[in-house]
Amino acid sequence: MKITAKNFELTDTLKDYVEKRLSNLDRYFDGVMGVEVVFFEQRGRYTGELIVRAKGKTMKAQTTDKDILKVVDDLKEIITKELRRYKERIKGHRKS
């Protein structure tokens, strides 16, 4: 897992929180091969971008908020939905 911050310093607390929240993405899809998180700070608002590389697909989620922890939670929620949807799509193709 690669975590990067631009325009502000990435604290150990934030890094630990991100790792804790995103460490179990493979629970939703077995083929997760890489996770990259990039945070930007601009005018007191934080933008987070989450890139997940899975077997056969790269998924991206992006969100903005004043609270950096809410950004992390929203990113996880968005990417979890995408991973579930992708998993169901693959299962559907295998049945046909």
C-alpha atoms as a PDB file:
ATOM      1  CA  MET A   1       0.000   0.000   0.000  1.00  0.00           C
ATOM      2  CA  LYS A   2       1.431   3.344  -1.060  1.00  0.00           C
ATOM      3  CA  ILE A   3       0.223   6.475   0.757  1.00  0.00           C
ATOM      4  CA  THR A   4       1.196   9.957  -0.445  1.00  0.00           C
ATOM      5  CA  ALA A   5       0.291  13.469   0.695  1.00  0.00           C
ATOM      6  CA  LYS A   6       0.695  16.639  -1.353  1.00  0.00           C
ATOM      7  CA  ASN A   7       0.640  20.169   0.099  1.00  0.00           C
ATOM      8  CA  PHE A   8       0.634  18.882   3.705  1.00  0.00           C
ATOM      9  CA  GLU A   9       2.595  16.516   5.910  1.00  0.00           C
ATOM     10  CA  LEU A  10       1.391  12.926   6.251  1.00  0.00           C
ATOM     11  CA  THR A  11       1.292  12.127   9.967  1.00  0.00           C
ATOM     12  CA  ASP A  12       1.858   8.664  11.403  1.00  0.00           C
ATOM     13  CA  THR A  13      -1.640   8.763  12.900  1.00  0.00           C
ATOM     14  CA  LEU A  14      -3.237   9.371   9.510  1.00  0.00           C
ATOM     15  CA  LYS A  15      -1.043   6.752   7.872  1.00  0.00           C
ATOM     16  CA  ASP A  16      -2.023   4.168  10.509  1.00  0.00           C
ATOM     17  CA  TYR A  17      -5.711   5.053  10.116  1.00  0.00           C
ATOM     18  CA  VAL A  18      -5.558   4.654   6.339  1.00  0.00           C
ATOM     19  CA  GLU A  19      -3.746   1.316   6.598  1.00  0.00           C
ATOM     20  CA  LYS A  20      -6.247   0.054   9.177  1.00  0.00           C
ATOM     21  CA  ARG A  21      -9.311   1.110   7.142  1.00  0.00           C
ATOM     22  CA  LEU A  22      -8.049  -0.143   3.773  1.00  0.00           C
ATOM     23  CA  SER A  23      -6.089  -3.238   4.783  1.00  0.00           C
ATOM     24  CA  ASN A  24      -9.048  -5.601   4.310  1.00  0.00           C
ATOM     25  CA  LEU A  25     -10.060  -4.690   0.742  1.00  0.00           C
ATOM     26  CA  ASP A  26      -9.183  -8.209  -0.372  1.00  0.00           C
ATOM     27  CA  ARG A  27     -12.177  -9.368   1.680  1.00  0.00           C
ATOM     28  CA  TYR A  28     -14.413  -7.873  -1.032  1.00  0.00           C
ATOM     29  CA  PHE A  29     -12.398  -9.139  -4.002  1.00  0.00           C
ATOM     30  CA  ASP A  30      -9.613 -11.744  -3.950  1.00  0.00           C
ATOM     31  CA  GLY A  31      -7.684 -10.294  -6.875  1.00  0.00           C
ATOM     32  CA  VAL A  32      -6.527  -7.012  -5.288  1.00  0.00           C
ATOM     33  CA  MET A  33      -2.903  -6.587  -6.360  1.00  0.00           C
ATOM     34  CA  GLY A  34      -2.078  -3.018  -5.319  1.00  0.00           C
ATOM     35  CA  VAL A  35      -3.514  -0.045  -3.463  1.00  0.00           C
ATOM     36  CA  GLU A  36      -2.388   3.565  -3.790  1.00  0.00           C
ATOM     37  CA  VAL A  37      -3.791   6.516  -1.829  1.00  0.00           C
ATOM     38  CA  VAL A  38      -3.013  10.150  -2.649  1.00  0.00           C
ATOM     39  CA  PHE A  39      -4.194  13.087  -0.540  1.00  0.00           C
ATOM     40  CA  PHE A  40      -4.197  16.741  -1.615  1.00  0.00           C
ATOM     41  CA  GLU A  41      -4.866  19.768   0.581  1.00  0.00           C
ATOM     42  CA  GLN A  42      -6.181  22.937  -0.971  1.00  0.00           C
ATOM     43  CA  ARG A  43      -7.760  25.886   0.867  1.00  0.00           C
ATOM     44  CA  GLY A  44      -8.604  23.856   3.952  1.00  0.00           C
ATOM     45  CA  ARG A  45     -10.267  21.024   2.013  1.00  0.00           C
ATOM     46  CA  TYR A  46      -8.787  17.579   1.536  1.00  0.00           C
ATOM     47  CA  THR A  47      -9.153  15.530  -1.614  1.00  0.00           C
ATOM     48  CA  GLY A  48      -8.411  11.841  -1.526  1.00  0.00           C
ATOM     49  CA  GLU A  49      -7.825   9.586  -4.483  1.00  0.00           C
ATOM     50  CA  LEU A  50      -7.768   5.820  -4.092  1.00  0.00           C
ATOM     51  CA  ILE A  51      -6.460   3.606  -6.883  1.00  0.00           C
ATOM     52  CA  VAL A  52      -6.949  -0.146  -6.582  1.00  0.00           C
ATOM     53  CA  ARG A  53      -5.338  -2.503  -9.039  1.00  0.00           C
ATOM     54  CA  ALA A  54      -7.218  -5.783  -9.307  1.00  0.00           C
ATOM     55  CA  LYS A  55      -7.051  -8.695 -11.713  1.00  0.00           C
ATOM     56  CA  GLY A  56      -8.067  -7.291 -15.070  1.00  0.00           C
ATOM     57  CA  LYS A  57      -9.141  -3.848 -13.869  1.00  0.00           C
ATOM     58  CA  THR A  58      -7.938  -0.650 -12.233  1.00  0.00           C
ATOM     59  CA  MET A  59     -10.527   1.142 -10.095  1.00  0.00           C
ATOM     60  CA  LYS A  60     -10.425   4.731  -8.951  1.00  0.00           C
ATOM     61  CA  ALA A  61     -12.335   6.621  -6.275  1.00  0.00           C
ATOM     62  CA  GLN A  62     -12.105  10.300  -5.429  1.00  0.00           C
ATOM     63  CA  THR A  63     -13.785  12.475  -2.812  1.00  0.00           C
ATOM     64  CA  THR A  64     -13.328  15.850  -1.087  1.00  0.00           C
ATOM     65  CA  ASP A  65     -14.176  17.056   2.436  1.00  0.00           C
ATOM     66  CA  LYS A  66     -12.911  19.327   5.211  1.00  0.00           C
ATOM     67  CA  ASP A  67     -12.245  16.306   7.466  1.00  0.00           C
ATOM     68  CA  ILE A  68      -9.434  14.048   6.250  1.00  0.00           C
ATOM     69  CA  LEU A  69     -10.747  11.035   8.198  1.00  0.00           C
ATOM     70  CA  LYS A  70     -14.144  11.367   6.510  1.00  0.00           C
ATOM     71  CA  VAL A  71     -12.324  11.397   3.160  1.00  0.00           C
ATOM     72  CA  VAL A  72     -10.698   8.051   4.045  1.00  0.00           C
ATOM     73  CA  ASP A  73     -14.038   6.556   5.124  1.00  0.00           C
ATOM     74  CA  ASP A  74     -15.786   7.795   1.963  1.00  0.00           C
ATOM     75  CA  LEU A  75     -13.018   6.395  -0.246  1.00  0.00           C
ATOM     76  CA  LYS A  76     -13.391   2.991   1.375  1.00  0.00           C
ATOM     77  CA  GLU A  77     -17.161   3.052   0.925  1.00  0.00           C
ATOM     78  CA  ILE A  78     -16.897   3.992  -2.764  1.00  0.00           C
ATOM     79  CA  ILE A  79     -14.223   1.436  -3.639  1.00  0.00           C
ATOM     80  CA  THR A  80     -15.971  -1.325  -1.662  1.00  0.00           C
ATOM     81  CA  LYS A  81     -19.096  -0.858  -3.784  1.00  0.00           C
ATOM     82  CA  GLU A  82     -17.003  -0.959  -6.958  1.00  0.00           C
ATOM     83  CA  LEU A  83     -15.154  -4.112  -5.878  1.00  0.00           C
ATOM     84  CA  ARG A  84     -18.421  -5.883  -5.018  1.00  0.00           C
ATOM     85  CA  ARG A  85     -19.963  -4.841  -8.332  1.00  0.00           C
ATOM     86  CA  TYR A  86     -16.902  -6.060 -10.243  1.00  0.00           C
ATOM     87  CA  LYS A  87     -16.903  -9.368  -8.362  1.00  0.00           C
ATOM     88  CA  GLU A  88     -20.586  -9.936  -9.187  1.00  0.00           C
ATOM     89  CA  ARG A  89     -19.971  -9.079 -12.840  1.00  0.00           C
ATOM     90  CA  ILE A  90     -17.170 -11.646 -13.027  1.00  0.00           C
ATOM     91  CA  LYS A  91     -19.339 -14.293 -11.358  1.00  0.00           C
ATOM     92  CA  GLY A  92     -22.102 -13.566 -13.872  1.00  0.00           C
ATOM     93  CA  HIS A  93     -19.754 -14.035 -16.819  1.00  0.00           C
ATOM     94  CA  ARG A  94     -18.456 -17.342 -15.484  1.00  0.00           C
ATOM     95  CA  LYS A  95     -21.970 -18.780 -15.170  1.00  0.00           C
ATOM     96  CA  SER A  96     -22.828 -18.103 -18.811  1.00  0.00           C
END
